[in-house]
């Protein structure tokens, strides 16, 4: 790929135009854009799922649900007795 020059790229564009035709290129570009957008959204969703899965059990245990607002605070097991 290091030997590619501007002329190589121009020839490549002309070959693509001949293969697909000028009428089909906008539809091709649109479908590629939609595919890229879908891929980006799926990658973002996967990262969010990974972030939720990485929570430790201690993190989950220390969170209190909204229905337990009147309940006592979670007990801290520090290992020391008084």
Protein backbone atom coordinates (compact mmCIF):
# COMPACT_ATOMS: atom_id res chain seq x y z
CA UNK A 1 0.00 0.00 0.00
CA UNK A 2 2.99 2.32 0.40
CA UNK A 3 3.50 2.51 -3.38
CA UNK A 4 0.05 3.97 -4.10
CA UNK A 5 0.06 7.40 -5.71
CA UNK A 6 -2.65 9.80 -6.75
CA UNK A 7 -2.81 8.19 -10.19
CA UNK A 8 -3.51 4.79 -8.68
CA UNK A 9 -6.40 6.22 -6.68
CA UNK A 10 -7.79 7.96 -9.77
CA UNK A 11 -7.74 4.73 -11.76
CA UNK A 12 -9.40 2.92 -8.85
CA UNK A 13 -12.21 5.49 -8.74
CA UNK A 14 -12.75 5.19 -12.49
CA UNK A 15 -12.96 1.39 -12.26
CA UNK A 16 -15.52 1.66 -9.45
CA UNK A 17 -17.56 4.10 -11.56
CA UNK A 18 -17.51 1.68 -14.48
CA UNK A 19 -18.49 -1.32 -12.35
CA UNK A 20 -21.29 0.24 -10.34
CA UNK A 21 -22.39 3.10 -12.57
CA UNK A 22 -22.97 6.67 -11.51
CA UNK A 23 -26.65 6.04 -10.70
CA UNK A 24 -25.92 3.32 -8.15
CA UNK A 25 -23.16 5.13 -6.25
CA UNK A 26 -25.45 7.37 -4.13
CA UNK A 27 -27.48 4.34 -3.02
CA UNK A 28 -24.26 2.47 -2.26
CA UNK A 29 -22.93 5.37 -0.19
CA UNK A 30 -26.24 5.66 1.68
CA UNK A 31 -26.29 1.96 2.57
CA UNK A 32 -22.66 2.10 3.70
CA UNK A 33 -23.47 5.08 5.93
CA UNK A 34 -26.44 3.30 7.47
CA UNK A 35 -24.32 0.22 8.09
CA UNK A 36 -21.61 2.29 9.75
CA UNK A 37 -24.19 4.04 11.96
CA UNK A 38 -25.70 0.70 12.99
CA UNK A 39 -22.26 -0.75 13.75
CA UNK A 40 -21.34 2.29 15.86
CA UNK A 41 -24.59 2.02 17.84
CA UNK A 42 -24.06 -1.69 18.48
CA UNK A 43 -20.49 -1.08 19.66
CA UNK A 44 -21.72 1.61 22.07
CA UNK A 45 -24.39 -0.75 23.43
CA UNK A 46 -21.80 -3.50 23.91
CA UNK A 47 -19.51 -1.12 25.83
CA UNK A 48 -22.40 -0.11 28.10
CA UNK A 49 -23.24 -3.78 28.72
CA UNK A 50 -19.60 -4.49 29.58
CA UNK A 51 -19.59 -1.58 32.04
CA UNK A 52 -22.65 -2.99 33.81
CA UNK A 53 -21.16 -6.49 33.91
CA UNK A 54 -17.93 -5.22 35.50
CA UNK A 55 -19.69 -4.05 38.67
CA UNK A 56 -18.45 -6.06 41.61
CA UNK A 57 -20.89 -7.80 43.96
CA UNK A 58 -19.88 -5.30 46.66
CA UNK A 59 -20.99 -2.43 44.42
CA UNK A 60 -24.34 -4.11 43.86
CA UNK A 61 -24.77 -4.92 47.58
CA UNK A 62 -24.06 -1.32 48.65
CA UNK A 63 -26.74 0.16 46.42
CA UNK A 64 -30.19 0.44 47.95
CA UNK A 65 -33.31 0.24 45.81
CA UNK A 66 -35.74 3.15 45.83
CA UNK A 67 -38.32 1.08 47.73
CA UNK A 68 -35.95 0.70 50.72
CA UNK A 69 -35.56 4.40 51.49
CA UNK A 70 -36.97 3.93 55.00
CA UNK A 71 -34.78 0.92 55.75
CA UNK A 72 -31.65 1.06 57.86
CA UNK A 73 -28.32 1.88 56.25
CA UNK A 74 -26.16 -1.08 55.20
CA UNK A 75 -23.88 -2.38 57.94
CA UNK A 76 -20.15 -1.94 57.48
CA UNK A 77 -18.12 -5.04 58.33
CA UNK A 78 -14.80 -3.45 59.12
CA UNK A 79 -13.60 -6.39 61.22
CA UNK A 80 -13.10 -4.36 64.42
CA UNK A 81 -15.21 -4.68 67.53
CA UNK A 82 -15.83 -1.98 70.07
